[in-house]
Amino acid sequence: MTAPSDDLNDLQSDIRQVETLICVMHDVAIETPMPSDEGIAKAMQQVHDLLWIARDLAGNLVKAASACHEKVMADGRSRKAVRS
């Protein structure tokens, strides 16, 4: 891990890595056979459901970070054009 950064590229990279981690955990959990014990199976189903939500939220964060980065870059270019 690296120290905190104020660079949007680092932020986007970190968000993508979190998304990848959650996707892998989700896939492993889904591929794991359900236990025969009803209580454990119920808990596993809750884990599946929460990982599904986390995976979707992480995907949304990737898109939002990308959109914010593009906006910052576009704003910077337009300010540069106005000064020229």
PDB file of N, CA and C in Angstrom:
ATOM      1  N   MET A   1       0.839  -1.181   0.000  1.00  0.00           N
ATOM      2  CA  MET A   1       0.000   0.000   0.000  1.00  0.00           C
ATOM      3  C   MET A   1       0.880   1.240   0.000  1.00  0.00           C
ATOM      4  N   THR A   2       0.332   2.288  -0.557  1.00  0.00           N
ATOM      5  CA  THR A   2       1.062   3.547  -0.613  1.00  0.00           C
ATOM      6  C   THR A   2       0.380   4.566   0.292  1.00  0.00           C
ATOM      7  N   ALA A   3       1.098   5.641   0.534  1.00  0.00           N
ATOM      8  CA  ALA A   3       0.542   6.717   1.358  1.00  0.00           C
ATOM      9  C   ALA A   3      -0.635   7.360   0.629  1.00  0.00           C
ATOM     10  N   PRO A   4      -1.550   8.000   1.363  1.00  0.00           N
ATOM     11  CA  PRO A   4      -2.664   8.688   0.702  1.00  0.00           C
ATOM     12  C   PRO A   4      -2.155   9.713  -0.310  1.00  0.00           C
ATOM     13  N   SER A   5      -2.934   9.877  -1.361  1.00  0.00           N
ATOM     14  CA  SER A   5      -2.544  10.768  -2.449  1.00  0.00           C
ATOM     15  C   SER A   5      -3.718  11.660  -2.810  1.00  0.00           C
ATOM     16  N   ASP A   6      -3.415  12.814  -3.392  1.00  0.00           N
ATOM     17  CA  ASP A   6      -4.486  13.687  -3.876  1.00  0.00           C
ATOM     18  C   ASP A   6      -4.571  13.638  -5.399  1.00  0.00           C
ATOM     19  N   ASP A   7      -3.998  12.604  -5.991  1.00  0.00           N
ATOM     20  CA  ASP A   7      -3.985  12.426  -7.439  1.00  0.00           C
ATOM     21  C   ASP A   7      -5.212  11.612  -7.865  1.00  0.00           C
ATOM     22  N   LEU A   8      -5.994  12.152  -8.795  1.00  0.00           N
ATOM     23  CA  LEU A   8      -7.193  11.443  -9.251  1.00  0.00           C
ATOM     24  C   LEU A   8      -6.869  10.100  -9.894  1.00  0.00           C
ATOM     25  N   ASN A   9      -5.715   9.984 -10.535  1.00  0.00           N
ATOM     26  CA  ASN A   9      -5.328   8.698 -11.122  1.00  0.00           C
ATOM     27  C   ASN A   9      -5.152   7.643 -10.037  1.00  0.00           C
ATOM     28  N   ASP A  10      -4.549   8.039  -8.911  1.00  0.00           N
ATOM     29  CA  ASP A  10      -4.381   7.107  -7.791  1.00  0.00           C
ATOM     30  C   ASP A  10      -5.735   6.704  -7.221  1.00  0.00           C
ATOM     31  N   LEU A  11      -6.632   7.677  -7.091  1.00  0.00           N
ATOM     32  CA  LEU A  11      -7.968   7.390  -6.569  1.00  0.00           C
ATOM     33  C   LEU A  11      -8.701   6.410  -7.476  1.00  0.00           C
ATOM     34  N   GLN A  12      -8.671   6.664  -8.774  1.00  0.00           N
ATOM     35  CA  GLN A  12      -9.325   5.755  -9.720  1.00  0.00           C
ATOM     36  C   GLN A  12      -8.724   4.359  -9.640  1.00  0.00           C
ATOM     37  N   SER A  13      -7.423   4.278  -9.544  1.00  0.00           N
ATOM     38  CA  SER A  13      -6.745   2.990  -9.457  1.00  0.00           C
ATOM     39  C   SER A  13      -7.161   2.248  -8.192  1.00  0.00           C
ATOM     40  N   ASP A  14      -7.203   2.953  -7.065  1.00  0.00           N
ATOM     41  CA  ASP A  14      -7.607   2.323  -5.806  1.00  0.00           C
ATOM     42  C   ASP A  14      -9.044   1.819  -5.879  1.00  0.00           C
ATOM     43  N   ILE A  15      -9.923   2.612  -6.463  1.00  0.00           N
ATOM     44  CA  ILE A  15     -11.325   2.204  -6.586  1.00  0.00           C
ATOM     45  C   ILE A  15     -11.438   0.972  -7.477  1.00  0.00           C
ATOM     46  N   ARG A  16     -10.688   0.947  -8.583  1.00  0.00           N
ATOM     47  CA  ARG A  16     -10.710  -0.229  -9.465  1.00  0.00           C
ATOM     48  C   ARG A  16     -10.201  -1.471  -8.738  1.00  0.00           C
ATOM     49  N   GLN A  17      -9.173  -1.287  -7.908  1.00  0.00           N
ATOM     50  CA  GLN A  17      -8.639  -2.425  -7.161  1.00  0.00           C
ATOM     51  C   GLN A  17      -9.650  -2.949  -6.143  1.00  0.00           C
ATOM     52  N   VAL A  18     -10.358  -2.039  -5.478  1.00  0.00           N
ATOM     53  CA  VAL A  18     -11.407  -2.455  -4.543  1.00  0.00           C
ATOM     54  C   VAL A  18     -12.509  -3.191  -5.302  1.00  0.00           C
ATOM     55  N   GLU A  19     -12.881  -2.679  -6.472  1.00  0.00           N
ATOM     56  CA  GLU A  19     -13.901  -3.353  -7.278  1.00  0.00           C
ATOM     57  C   GLU A  19     -13.445  -4.764  -7.644  1.00  0.00           C
ATOM     58  N   THR A  20     -12.203  -4.906  -8.066  1.00  0.00           N
ATOM     59  CA  THR A  20     -11.672  -6.223  -8.432  1.00  0.00           C
ATOM     60  C   THR A  20     -11.693  -7.158  -7.232  1.00  0.00           C
ATOM     61  N   LEU A  21     -11.268  -6.664  -6.077  1.00  0.00           N
ATOM     62  CA  LEU A  21     -11.267  -7.472  -4.859  1.00  0.00           C
ATOM     63  C   LEU A  21     -12.674  -7.953  -4.516  1.00  0.00           C
ATOM     64  N   ILE A  22     -13.640  -7.055  -4.572  1.00  0.00           N
ATOM     65  CA  ILE A  22     -15.019  -7.419  -4.251  1.00  0.00           C
ATOM     66  C   ILE A  22     -15.559  -8.414  -5.274  1.00  0.00           C
ATOM     67  N   CYS A  23     -15.246  -8.214  -6.545  1.00  0.00           N
ATOM     68  CA  CYS A  23     -15.703  -9.150  -7.583  1.00  0.00           C
ATOM     69  C   CYS A  23     -15.140 -10.547  -7.355  1.00  0.00           C
ATOM     70  N   VAL A  24     -13.871 -10.630  -6.993  1.00  0.00           N
ATOM     71  CA  VAL A  24     -13.262 -11.939  -6.734  1.00  0.00           C
ATOM     72  C   VAL A  24     -13.914 -12.589  -5.517  1.00  0.00           C
ATOM     73  N   MET A  25     -14.108 -11.814  -4.442  1.00  0.00           N
ATOM     74  CA  MET A  25     -14.767 -12.375  -3.253  1.00  0.00           C
ATOM     75  C   MET A  25     -16.174 -12.854  -3.598  1.00  0.00           C
ATOM     76  N   HIS A  26     -16.887 -12.065  -4.385  1.00  0.00           N
ATOM     77  CA  HIS A  26     -18.239 -12.436  -4.801  1.00  0.00           C
ATOM     78  C   HIS A  26     -18.217 -13.752  -5.564  1.00  0.00           C
ATOM     79  N   ASP A  27     -17.315 -13.854  -6.542  1.00  0.00           N
ATOM     80  CA  ASP A  27     -17.239 -15.070  -7.357  1.00  0.00           C
ATOM     81  C   ASP A  27     -16.886 -16.294  -6.516  1.00  0.00           C
ATOM     82  N   VAL A  28     -15.946 -16.139  -5.587  1.00  0.00           N
ATOM     83  CA  VAL A  28     -15.566 -17.262  -4.717  1.00  0.00           C
ATOM     84  C   VAL A  28     -16.751 -17.673  -3.848  1.00  0.00           C
ATOM     85  N   ALA A  29     -17.449 -16.694  -3.292  1.00  0.00           N
ATOM     86  CA  ALA A  29     -18.596 -17.008  -2.430  1.00  0.00           C
ATOM     87  C   ALA A  29     -19.696 -17.718  -3.211  1.00  0.00           C
ATOM     88  N   ILE A  30     -19.961 -17.261  -4.433  1.00  0.00           N
ATOM     89  CA  ILE A  30     -21.011 -17.872  -5.251  1.00  0.00           C
ATOM     90  C   ILE A  30     -20.634 -19.300  -5.643  1.00  0.00           C
ATOM     91  N   GLU A  31     -19.346 -19.527  -5.916  1.00  0.00           N
ATOM     92  CA  GLU A  31     -18.899 -20.856  -6.347  1.00  0.00           C
ATOM     93  C   GLU A  31     -18.767 -21.846  -5.191  1.00  0.00           C
ATOM     94  N   THR A  32     -18.776 -21.351  -3.957  1.00  0.00           N
ATOM     95  CA  THR A  32     -18.663 -22.229  -2.796  1.00  0.00           C
ATOM     96  C   THR A  32     -19.998 -22.930  -2.575  1.00  0.00           C
ATOM     97  N   PRO A  33     -19.977 -24.262  -2.466  1.00  0.00           N
ATOM     98  CA  PRO A  33     -21.237 -24.987  -2.266  1.00  0.00           C
ATOM     99  C   PRO A  33     -21.929 -24.549  -0.973  1.00  0.00           C
ATOM    100  N   MET A  34     -23.237 -24.493  -1.031  1.00  0.00           N
ATOM    101  CA  MET A  34     -24.018 -24.140   0.150  1.00  0.00           C
ATOM    102  C   MET A  34     -23.931 -25.282   1.163  1.00  0.00           C
ATOM    103  N   PRO A  35     -23.696 -24.947   2.423  1.00  0.00           N
ATOM    104  CA  PRO A  35     -23.644 -25.987   3.451  1.00  0.00           C
ATOM    105  C   PRO A  35     -25.036 -26.558   3.719  1.00  0.00           C
ATOM    106  N   SER A  36     -25.050 -27.754   4.256  1.00  0.00           N
ATOM    107  CA  SER A  36     -26.340 -28.403   4.537  1.00  0.00           C
ATOM    108  C   SER A  36     -26.989 -27.837   5.794  1.00  0.00           C
ATOM    109  N   ASP A  37     -26.198 -27.282   6.687  1.00  0.00           N
ATOM    110  CA  ASP A  37     -26.737 -26.681   7.905  1.00  0.00           C
ATOM    111  C   ASP A  37     -27.540 -25.439   7.529  1.00  0.00           C
ATOM    112  N   GLU A  38     -28.804 -25.415   7.919  1.00  0.00           N
ATOM    113  CA  GLU A  38     -29.710 -24.337   7.515  1.00  0.00           C
ATOM    114  C   GLU A  38     -29.262 -22.963   8.012  1.00  0.00           C
ATOM    115  N   GLY A  39     -28.779 -22.889   9.238  1.00  0.00           N
ATOM    116  CA  GLY A  39     -28.338 -21.609   9.791  1.00  0.00           C
ATOM    117  C   GLY A  39     -27.129 -21.060   9.054  1.00  0.00           C
ATOM    118  N   ILE A  40     -26.178 -21.939   8.764  1.00  0.00           N
ATOM    119  CA  ILE A  40     -24.981 -21.512   8.041  1.00  0.00           C
ATOM    120  C   ILE A  40     -25.341 -21.145   6.605  1.00  0.00           C
ATOM    121  N   ALA A  41     -26.242 -21.911   5.999  1.00  0.00           N
ATOM    122  CA  ALA A  41     -26.671 -21.619   4.629  1.00  0.00           C
ATOM    123  C   ALA A  41     -27.342 -20.246   4.556  1.00  0.00           C
ATOM    124  N   LYS A  42     -28.139 -19.926   5.569  1.00  0.00           N
ATOM    125  CA  LYS A  42     -28.804 -18.615   5.598  1.00  0.00           C
ATOM    126  C   LYS A  42     -27.758 -17.497   5.707  1.00  0.00           C
ATOM    127  N   ALA A  43     -26.757 -17.705   6.559  1.00  0.00           N
ATOM    128  CA  ALA A  43     -25.695 -16.710   6.706  1.00  0.00           C
ATOM    129  C   ALA A  43     -24.915 -16.561   5.401  1.00  0.00           C
ATOM    130  N   MET A  44     -24.636 -17.680   4.741  1.00  0.00           N
ATOM    131  CA  MET A  44     -23.922 -17.631   3.457  1.00  0.00           C
ATOM    132  C   MET A  44     -24.741 -16.877   2.409  1.00  0.00           C
ATOM    133  N   GLN A  45     -26.054 -17.079   2.409  1.00  0.00           N
ATOM    134  CA  GLN A  45     -26.907 -16.368   1.460  1.00  0.00           C
ATOM    135  C   GLN A  45     -26.851 -14.867   1.717  1.00  0.00           C
ATOM    136  N   GLN A  46     -26.814 -14.483   2.994  1.00  0.00           N
ATOM    137  CA  GLN A  46     -26.694 -13.063   3.324  1.00  0.00           C
ATOM    138  C   GLN A  46     -25.355 -12.503   2.840  1.00  0.00           C
ATOM    139  N   VAL A  47     -24.293 -13.294   2.993  1.00  0.00           N
ATOM    140  CA  VAL A  47     -22.978 -12.877   2.494  1.00  0.00           C
ATOM    141  C   VAL A  47     -23.039 -12.688   0.982  1.00  0.00           C
ATOM    142  N   HIS A  48     -23.660 -13.633   0.275  1.00  0.00           N
ATOM    143  CA  HIS A  48     -23.816 -13.517  -1.183  1.00  0.00           C
ATOM    144  C   HIS A  48     -24.529 -12.217  -1.531  1.00  0.00           C
ATOM    145  N   ASP A  49     -25.642 -11.969  -0.846  1.00  0.00           N
ATOM    146  CA  ASP A  49     -26.446 -10.777  -1.133  1.00  0.00           C
ATOM    147  C   ASP A  49     -25.645  -9.494  -0.897  1.00  0.00           C
ATOM    148  N   LEU A  50     -24.920  -9.445   0.223  1.00  0.00           N
ATOM    149  CA  LEU A  50     -24.137  -8.251   0.538  1.00  0.00           C
ATOM    150  C   LEU A  50     -22.984  -8.055  -0.440  1.00  0.00           C
ATOM    151  N   LEU A  51     -22.343  -9.144  -0.836  1.00  0.00           N
ATOM    152  CA  LEU A  51     -21.262  -9.028  -1.819  1.00  0.00           C
ATOM    153  C   LEU A  51     -21.803  -8.580  -3.170  1.00  0.00           C
ATOM    154  N   TRP A  52     -23.003  -9.018  -3.511  1.00  0.00           N
ATOM    155  CA  TRP A  52     -23.630  -8.598  -4.765  1.00  0.00           C
ATOM    156  C   TRP A  52     -23.831  -7.077  -4.745  1.00  0.00           C
ATOM    157  N   ILE A  53     -24.353  -6.575  -3.629  1.00  0.00           N
ATOM    158  CA  ILE A  53     -24.572  -5.133  -3.484  1.00  0.00           C
ATOM    159  C   ILE A  53     -23.238  -4.385  -3.521  1.00  0.00           C
ATOM    160  N   ALA A  54     -22.246  -4.884  -2.774  1.00  0.00           N
ATOM    161  CA  ALA A  54     -20.930  -4.235  -2.737  1.00  0.00           C
ATOM    162  C   ALA A  54     -20.295  -4.213  -4.121  1.00  0.00           C
ATOM    163  N   ARG A  55     -20.446  -5.307  -4.864  1.00  0.00           N
ATOM    164  CA  ARG A  55     -19.882  -5.375  -6.217  1.00  0.00           C
ATOM    165  C   ARG A  55     -20.512  -4.307  -7.110  1.00  0.00           C
ATOM    166  N   ASP A  56     -21.835  -4.186  -7.039  1.00  0.00           N
ATOM    167  CA  ASP A  56     -22.523  -3.190  -7.863  1.00  0.00           C
ATOM    168  C   ASP A  56     -22.148  -1.762  -7.456  1.00  0.00           C
ATOM    169  N   LEU A  57     -22.053  -1.517  -6.150  1.00  0.00           N
ATOM    170  CA  LEU A  57     -21.659  -0.187  -5.681  1.00  0.00           C
ATOM    171  C   LEU A  57     -20.233   0.149  -6.110  1.00  0.00           C
ATOM    172  N   ALA A  58     -19.343  -0.823  -6.034  1.00  0.00           N
ATOM    173  CA  ALA A  58     -17.958  -0.592  -6.462  1.00  0.00           C
ATOM    174  C   ALA A  58     -17.912  -0.261  -7.954  1.00  0.00           C
ATOM    175  N   GLY A  59     -18.724  -0.950  -8.741  1.00  0.00           N
ATOM    176  CA  GLY A  59     -18.801  -0.646 -10.173  1.00  0.00           C
ATOM    177  C   GLY A  59     -19.289   0.770 -10.414  1.00  0.00           C
ATOM    178  N   ASN A  60     -20.280   1.194  -9.622  1.00  0.00           N
ATOM    179  CA  ASN A  60     -20.778   2.571  -9.737  1.00  0.00           C
ATOM    180  C   ASN A  60     -19.703   3.582  -9.340  1.00  0.00           C
ATOM    181  N   LEU A  61     -18.912   3.258  -8.313  1.00  0.00           N
ATOM    182  CA  LEU A  61     -17.829   4.151  -7.898  1.00  0.00           C
ATOM    183  C   LEU A  61     -16.780   4.302  -8.991  1.00  0.00           C
ATOM    184  N   VAL A  62     -16.470   3.209  -9.678  1.00  0.00           N
ATOM    185  CA  VAL A  62     -15.507   3.272 -10.785  1.00  0.00           C
ATOM    186  C   VAL A  62     -16.017   4.237 -11.850  1.00  0.00           C
ATOM    187  N   LYS A  63     -17.293   4.106 -12.209  1.00  0.00           N
ATOM    188  CA  LYS A  63     -17.876   4.985 -13.227  1.00  0.00           C
ATOM    189  C   LYS A  63     -17.908   6.440 -12.758  1.00  0.00           C
ATOM    190  N   ALA A  64     -18.285   6.655 -11.492  1.00  0.00           N
ATOM    191  CA  ALA A  64     -18.365   8.017 -10.959  1.00  0.00           C
ATOM    192  C   ALA A  64     -16.984   8.665 -10.898  1.00  0.00           C
ATOM    193  N   ALA A  65     -15.981   7.919 -10.462  1.00  0.00           N
ATOM    194  CA  ALA A  65     -14.621   8.466 -10.391  1.00  0.00           C
ATOM    195  C   ALA A  65     -14.122   8.821 -11.782  1.00  0.00           C
ATOM    196  N   SER A  66     -14.445   7.985 -12.742  1.00  0.00           N
ATOM    197  CA  SER A  66     -14.036   8.242 -14.127  1.00  0.00           C
ATOM    198  C   SER A  66     -14.704   9.514 -14.646  1.00  0.00           C
ATOM    199  N   ALA A  67     -15.994   9.649 -14.382  1.00  0.00           N
ATOM    200  CA  ALA A  67     -16.730  10.834 -14.831  1.00  0.00           C
ATOM    201  C   ALA A  67     -16.177  12.098 -14.165  1.00  0.00           C
ATOM    202  N   CYS A  68     -15.884  12.019 -12.870  1.00  0.00           N
ATOM    203  CA  CYS A  68     -15.320  13.175 -12.164  1.00  0.00           C
ATOM    204  C   CYS A  68     -13.955  13.543 -12.729  1.00  0.00           C
ATOM    205  N   HIS A  69     -13.142  12.537 -12.990  1.00  0.00           N
ATOM    206  CA  HIS A  69     -11.807  12.782 -13.538  1.00  0.00           C
ATOM    207  C   HIS A  69     -11.921  13.450 -14.911  1.00  0.00           C
ATOM    208  N   GLU A  70     -12.813  12.941 -15.743  1.00  0.00           N
ATOM    209  CA  GLU A  70     -13.016  13.537 -17.069  1.00  0.00           C
ATOM    210  C   GLU A  70     -13.484  14.983 -16.955  1.00  0.00           C
ATOM    211  N   LYS A  71     -14.381  15.257 -15.994  1.00  0.00           N
ATOM    212  CA  LYS A  71     -14.881  16.621 -15.803  1.00  0.00           C
ATOM    213  C   LYS A  71     -13.759  17.548 -15.355  1.00  0.00           C
ATOM    214  N   VAL A  72     -12.943  17.097 -14.420  1.00  0.00           N
ATOM    215  CA  VAL A  72     -11.824  17.918 -13.950  1.00  0.00           C
ATOM    216  C   VAL A  72     -10.876  18.224 -15.105  1.00  0.00           C
ATOM    217  N   MET A  73     -10.586  17.215 -15.908  1.00  0.00           N
ATOM    218  CA  MET A  73      -9.685  17.418 -17.050  1.00  0.00           C
ATOM    219  C   MET A  73     -10.307  18.381 -18.066  1.00  0.00           C
ATOM    220  N   ALA A  74     -11.602  18.221 -18.350  1.00  0.00           N
ATOM    221  CA  ALA A  74     -12.287  19.105 -19.302  1.00  0.00           C
ATOM    222  C   ALA A  74     -12.324  20.538 -18.775  1.00  0.00           C
ATOM    223  N   ASP A  75     -12.613  20.695 -17.474  1.00  0.00           N
ATOM    224  CA  ASP A  75     -12.623  22.036 -16.878  1.00  0.00           C
ATOM    225  C   ASP A  75     -11.244  22.679 -16.979  1.00  0.00           C
ATOM    226  N   GLY A  76     -10.214  21.892 -16.743  1.00  0.00           N
ATOM    227  CA  GLY A  76      -8.846  22.406 -16.849  1.00  0.00           C
ATOM    228  C   GLY A  76      -8.520  22.839 -18.264  1.00  0.00           C
ATOM    229  N   ARG A  77      -8.945  22.045 -19.243  1.00  0.00           N
ATOM    230  CA  ARG A  77      -8.694  22.403 -20.646  1.00  0.00           C
ATOM    231  C   ARG A  77      -9.456  23.665 -21.030  1.00  0.00           C
ATOM    232  N   SER A  78     -10.703  23.796 -20.578  1.00  0.00           N
ATOM    233  CA  SER A  78     -11.492  24.973 -20.953  1.00  0.00           C
ATOM    234  C   SER A  78     -10.933  26.233 -20.289  1.00  0.00           C
ATOM    235  N   ARG A  79     -10.439  26.120 -19.059  1.00  0.00           N
ATOM    236  CA  ARG A  79      -9.815  27.279 -18.411  1.00  0.00           C
ATOM    237  C   ARG A  79      -8.545  27.685 -19.136  1.00  0.00           C
ATOM    238  N   LYS A  80      -7.809  26.691 -19.585  1.00  0.00           N
ATOM    239  CA  LYS A  80      -6.573  26.953 -20.328  1.00  0.00           C
ATOM    240  C   LYS A  80      -6.899  27.653 -21.648  1.00  0.00           C
ATOM    241  N   ALA A  81      -7.962  27.227 -22.319  1.00  0.00           N
ATOM    242  CA  ALA A  81      -8.360  27.815 -23.601  1.00  0.00           C
ATOM    243  C   ALA A  81      -8.809  29.263 -23.418  1.00  0.00           C
ATOM    244  N   VAL A  82      -9.499  29.550 -22.318  1.00  0.00           N
ATOM    245  CA  VAL A  82      -9.972  30.909 -22.053  1.00  0.00           C
ATOM    246  C   VAL A  82      -8.787  31.840 -21.808  1.00  0.00           C
ATOM    247  N   ARG A  83      -7.765  31.359 -21.115  1.00  0.00           N
ATOM    248  CA  ARG A  83      -6.586  32.186 -20.824  1.00  0.00           C
ATOM    249  C   ARG A  83      -5.740  32.429 -22.062  1.00  0.00           C
ATOM    250  N   SER A  84      -5.817  31.553 -23.039  1.00  0.00           N
ATOM    251  CA  SER A  84      -4.965  31.674 -24.244  1.00  0.00           C
ATOM    252  C   SER A  84      -5.430  32.745 -25.179  1.00  0.00           C
TER     253      SER A  84
END
